[in-house]
Amino acid sequence: MCGLTYLFMRKIEENTRLVLLFSLGILILVASFRIGGFEGMPYGVLSLGVLTLAILYFFLKRFAIGKKILFIGVPLIIAVHIFIGFINQVDYLVVDKERLMDVETKQYIGKIEKDTSIVGYKKFKGGEGEDFLLISMGGEKKGNTIEVLEVKENYDETIIRIRTSYNKNPEPNPYIAVALTRIKSKVVILDTDGTNYGDGLLD
């Protein structure tokens, strides 16, 4: 936003430029509260970043080198962050439930259908070189279906973001199977409502 004001509104005062940047941070923060939940969190973090930039700009605006650091350094940091996020993405595939025909998997599905208190995940060996996680939501989520939004890695963690929605799913313990190219030692499964289904049997 500061770059655009320099490009199209060069004659405005530095304080006005600062107010515009600060106002943008406040607007994003308000939007994050309105969105709410897990989906609003990235916007909240973004607003903190913008507000931090506004504060830094307030202290560095008098120094030419300070403004150059902001205009060059911040985009560089963002580019590096995007690159790291890209390489941490994990290839995944939601497995068709009709393909879950091996004895061990069928026995486990029968177990979670009888005992709807089983919540979390269990790791299984895939037939094509890819392991998969069978994730169950528990009886409290009866009637819901599960959608995988994103799979990524963070150091020793595999992080799976999911979304559950009610649509009269007949399964007593809703579940989904997700095949991954690799699975870290710790698995975190986050629903958009903030629930963490990371507890499970990694064997």
Protein backbone atom coordinates (compact mmCIF):
# COMPACT_ATOMS: atom_id res chain seq x y z
CA MET A 1 0.00 0.00 0.00
CA CYS A 2 2.89 2.35 0.75
CA GLY A 3 4.36 1.52 -2.64
CA LEU A 4 1.09 2.42 -4.38
CA THR A 5 0.87 5.73 -2.54
CA TYR A 6 4.42 6.55 -3.65
CA LEU A 7 3.47 5.64 -7.21
CA PHE A 8 0.14 7.48 -7.49
CA MET A 9 0.10 9.97 -4.59
CA ARG A 10 3.64 11.16 -4.18
CA LYS A 11 2.63 14.54 -2.77
CA ILE A 12 0.74 13.25 0.28
CA GLU A 13 2.40 13.67 3.66
CA GLU A 14 4.29 10.84 5.33
CA ASN A 15 1.86 10.89 8.27
CA THR A 16 -1.06 10.40 5.87
CA ARG A 17 0.76 7.48 4.32
CA LEU A 18 1.29 6.03 7.80
CA VAL A 19 -2.39 6.45 8.71
CA LEU A 20 -3.42 4.63 5.52
CA LEU A 21 -1.17 1.69 6.37
CA PHE A 22 -2.35 1.56 9.98
CA SER A 23 -6.00 1.76 8.86
CA LEU A 24 -5.44 -1.16 6.51
CA GLY A 25 -4.16 -3.25 9.42
CA ILE A 26 -7.21 -2.36 11.53
CA LEU A 27 -9.59 -3.23 8.66
CA ILE A 28 -7.97 -6.64 8.17
CA LEU A 29 -8.14 -7.27 11.94
CA VAL A 30 -11.87 -6.43 12.00
CA ALA A 31 -12.42 -8.72 8.99
CA SER A 32 -10.64 -11.57 10.80
CA PHE A 33 -13.02 -11.20 13.76
CA ARG A 34 -16.04 -11.20 11.44
CA ILE A 35 -14.85 -14.35 9.66
CA GLY A 36 -14.05 -15.96 13.01
CA GLY A 37 -12.75 -19.40 13.91
CA PHE A 38 -9.82 -21.15 12.28
CA GLU A 39 -10.53 -19.54 8.89
CA GLY A 40 -10.17 -16.05 10.35
CA MET A 41 -6.82 -16.73 12.02
CA PRO A 42 -4.64 -16.12 8.91
CA TYR A 43 -6.24 -12.70 8.46
CA GLY A 44 -5.57 -11.89 12.12
CA VAL A 45 -1.91 -12.79 11.67
CA LEU A 46 -1.80 -10.71 8.47
CA SER A 47 -3.26 -7.70 10.30
CA LEU A 48 -0.59 -7.98 12.99
CA GLY A 49 2.03 -7.99 10.24
CA VAL A 50 0.57 -4.86 8.64
CA LEU A 51 0.32 -3.07 12.01
CA THR A 52 3.92 -4.04 12.79
CA LEU A 53 4.99 -2.58 9.44
CA ALA A 54 3.11 0.61 10.24
CA ILE A 55 4.98 0.93 13.55
CA LEU A 56 8.33 0.23 11.86
CA TYR A 57 7.49 2.77 9.15
CA PHE A 58 6.73 5.36 11.85
CA PHE A 59 10.26 5.00 13.28
CA LEU A 60 12.10 4.52 9.96
CA LYS A 61 10.31 7.02 7.70
CA ARG A 62 12.88 9.75 8.45
CA PHE A 63 15.74 7.59 7.18
CA ALA A 64 16.12 6.77 3.50
CA ILE A 65 17.95 3.53 4.28
CA GLY A 66 15.16 2.49 6.67
CA LYS A 67 12.48 2.87 4.00
CA LYS A 68 14.62 0.91 1.54
CA ILE A 69 14.95 -1.90 4.07
CA LEU A 70 11.16 -2.01 4.41
CA PHE A 71 10.43 -1.85 0.67
CA ILE A 72 13.07 -4.44 -0.26
CA GLY A 73 13.32 -6.58 2.86
CA VAL A 74 9.62 -7.20 3.48
CA PRO A 75 8.81 -8.44 -0.06
CA LEU A 76 11.92 -10.63 0.13
CA ILE A 77 10.79 -12.15 3.44
CA ILE A 78 7.30 -12.75 2.00
CA ALA A 79 8.79 -14.43 -1.09
CA VAL A 80 10.95 -16.71 1.08
CA HIS A 81 7.94 -17.56 3.26
CA ILE A 82 5.84 -18.45 0.20
CA PHE A 83 8.68 -20.60 -1.16
CA ILE A 84 9.07 -22.47 2.14
CA GLY A 85 5.31 -23.01 2.27
CA PHE A 86 5.39 -24.36 -1.29
CA ILE A 87 8.13 -26.91 -0.61
CA ASN A 88 6.38 -27.98 2.62
CA GLN A 89 3.20 -28.91 0.76
CA VAL A 90 2.59 -32.66 0.73
CA ASP A 91 0.99 -34.54 -2.13
CA TYR A 92 -2.15 -36.26 -0.89
CA LEU A 93 -5.20 -38.08 -2.19
CA VAL A 94 -8.54 -38.78 -0.56
CA VAL A 95 -8.96 -42.52 -0.93
CA ASP A 96 -12.26 -43.81 -2.32
CA LYS A 97 -13.90 -45.78 0.49
CA GLU A 98 -14.78 -48.56 -1.94
CA ARG A 99 -11.03 -49.20 -2.31
CA LEU A 100 -10.58 -49.85 1.41
CA MET A 101 -11.02 -53.58 1.00
CA ASP A 102 -8.01 -55.14 2.75
CA VAL A 103 -8.74 -57.16 5.88
CA GLU A 104 -6.95 -54.91 8.39
CA THR A 105 -8.64 -51.72 7.17
CA LYS A 106 -12.11 -53.31 7.03
CA GLN A 107 -11.67 -54.63 10.57
CA TYR A 108 -10.71 -51.17 11.82
CA ILE A 109 -13.67 -49.54 10.05
CA GLY A 110 -15.96 -52.11 11.68
CA LYS A 111 -14.37 -51.29 15.04
CA ILE A 112 -14.92 -47.51 14.80
CA GLU A 113 -18.50 -48.06 13.60
CA LYS A 114 -19.25 -50.14 16.70
CA ASP A 115 -17.29 -47.94 19.09
CA THR A 116 -18.16 -44.37 18.14
CA SER A 117 -15.98 -43.01 20.95
CA ILE A 118 -12.91 -43.66 18.78
CA VAL A 119 -11.70 -40.27 17.56
CA GLY A 120 -8.42 -39.52 15.79
CA TYR A 121 -6.42 -41.39 13.20
CA LYS A 122 -4.69 -44.70 12.46
CA LYS A 123 -1.94 -45.26 9.93
CA PHE A 124 -2.22 -48.01 7.31
CA LYS A 125 0.10 -49.27 4.60
CA GLY A 126 -1.10 -48.40 1.12
CA GLY A 127 -0.92 -50.83 -1.76
CA GLU A 128 0.87 -48.43 -4.15
CA GLY A 129 3.76 -47.27 -1.99
CA GLU A 130 1.73 -44.55 -0.26
CA ASP A 131 0.66 -44.86 3.36
CA PHE A 132 -2.70 -43.48 4.36
CA LEU A 133 -4.36 -42.19 7.51
CA LEU A 134 -7.89 -43.22 8.38
CA ILE A 135 -9.35 -40.32 10.36
CA SER A 136 -12.52 -40.75 12.43
CA MET A 137 -14.57 -37.95 13.98
CA GLY A 138 -16.54 -39.85 16.63
CA GLY A 139 -20.27 -40.30 17.25
CA GLU A 140 -20.77 -36.64 18.11
CA LYS A 141 -20.13 -35.83 14.43
CA LYS A 142 -22.68 -38.34 13.16
CA GLY A 143 -24.35 -36.97 10.03
CA ASN A 144 -21.27 -35.00 8.98
CA THR A 145 -18.94 -35.50 6.04
CA ILE A 146 -15.25 -34.58 6.03
CA GLU A 147 -13.38 -32.52 3.45
CA VAL A 148 -9.59 -32.15 3.30
CA LEU A 149 -8.58 -28.54 2.69
CA GLU A 150 -4.80 -28.70 2.93
CA VAL A 151 -1.89 -30.95 3.91
CA LYS A 152 1.50 -29.49 4.79
CA GLU A 153 4.57 -30.18 6.90
CA ASN A 154 6.19 -28.26 9.73
CA TYR A 155 9.47 -29.74 10.94
CA ASP A 156 8.43 -33.11 12.46
CA GLU A 157 4.68 -32.59 11.96
CA THR A 158 2.22 -33.52 9.24
CA ILE A 159 -0.61 -30.98 9.43
CA ILE A 160 -3.96 -31.80 7.86
CA ARG A 161 -6.65 -29.11 7.71
CA ILE A 162 -10.18 -30.44 7.34
CA ARG A 163 -13.72 -29.11 7.26
CA THR A 164 -16.76 -31.00 8.52
CA SER A 165 -20.28 -30.22 7.38
CA TYR A 166 -23.65 -31.77 8.17
CA ASN A 167 -25.41 -33.49 5.27
CA LYS A 168 -27.11 -36.54 6.82
CA ASN A 169 -24.13 -38.85 6.38
CA PRO A 170 -25.36 -42.29 7.57
CA GLU A 171 -22.00 -43.36 9.03
CA PRO A 172 -22.24 -43.74 12.84
CA ASN A 173 -18.63 -42.58 13.14
CA PRO A 174 -17.77 -40.40 10.12
CA TYR A 175 -14.34 -41.16 8.67
CA ILE A 176 -12.08 -40.33 5.75
CA ALA A 177 -8.94 -41.98 4.38
CA VAL A 178 -6.10 -39.73 3.17
CA ALA A 179 -3.10 -41.16 1.29
CA LEU A 180 0.13 -39.16 1.62
CA THR A 181 3.54 -39.35 0.01
CA ARG A 182 5.11 -39.15 3.48
CA ILE A 183 3.92 -38.95 7.07
CA LYS A 184 5.94 -37.30 9.84
CA SER A 185 6.26 -38.65 13.38
CA LYS A 186 3.56 -36.27 14.66
CA VAL A 187 0.21 -35.74 12.97
CA VAL A 188 -1.98 -32.70 13.63
CA ILE A 189 -5.52 -32.75 12.23
CA LEU A 190 -7.28 -29.40 12.56
CA ASP A 191 -10.95 -28.78 11.82
CA THR A 192 -12.06 -25.30 10.76
CA ASP A 193 -14.07 -25.09 14.00
CA GLY A 194 -10.78 -25.31 15.94
CA THR A 195 -11.02 -28.98 16.98
CA ASN A 196 -7.74 -30.92 16.92
CA TYR A 197 -8.15 -34.59 15.98
CA GLY A 198 -4.43 -35.26 16.27
CA ASP A 199 -4.64 -38.05 18.85
CA GLY A 200 -4.32 -41.50 17.33
CA LEU A 201 -2.34 -44.66 16.77
CA LEU A 202 0.67 -44.14 14.52
CA ASP A 203 1.60 -47.75 13.78
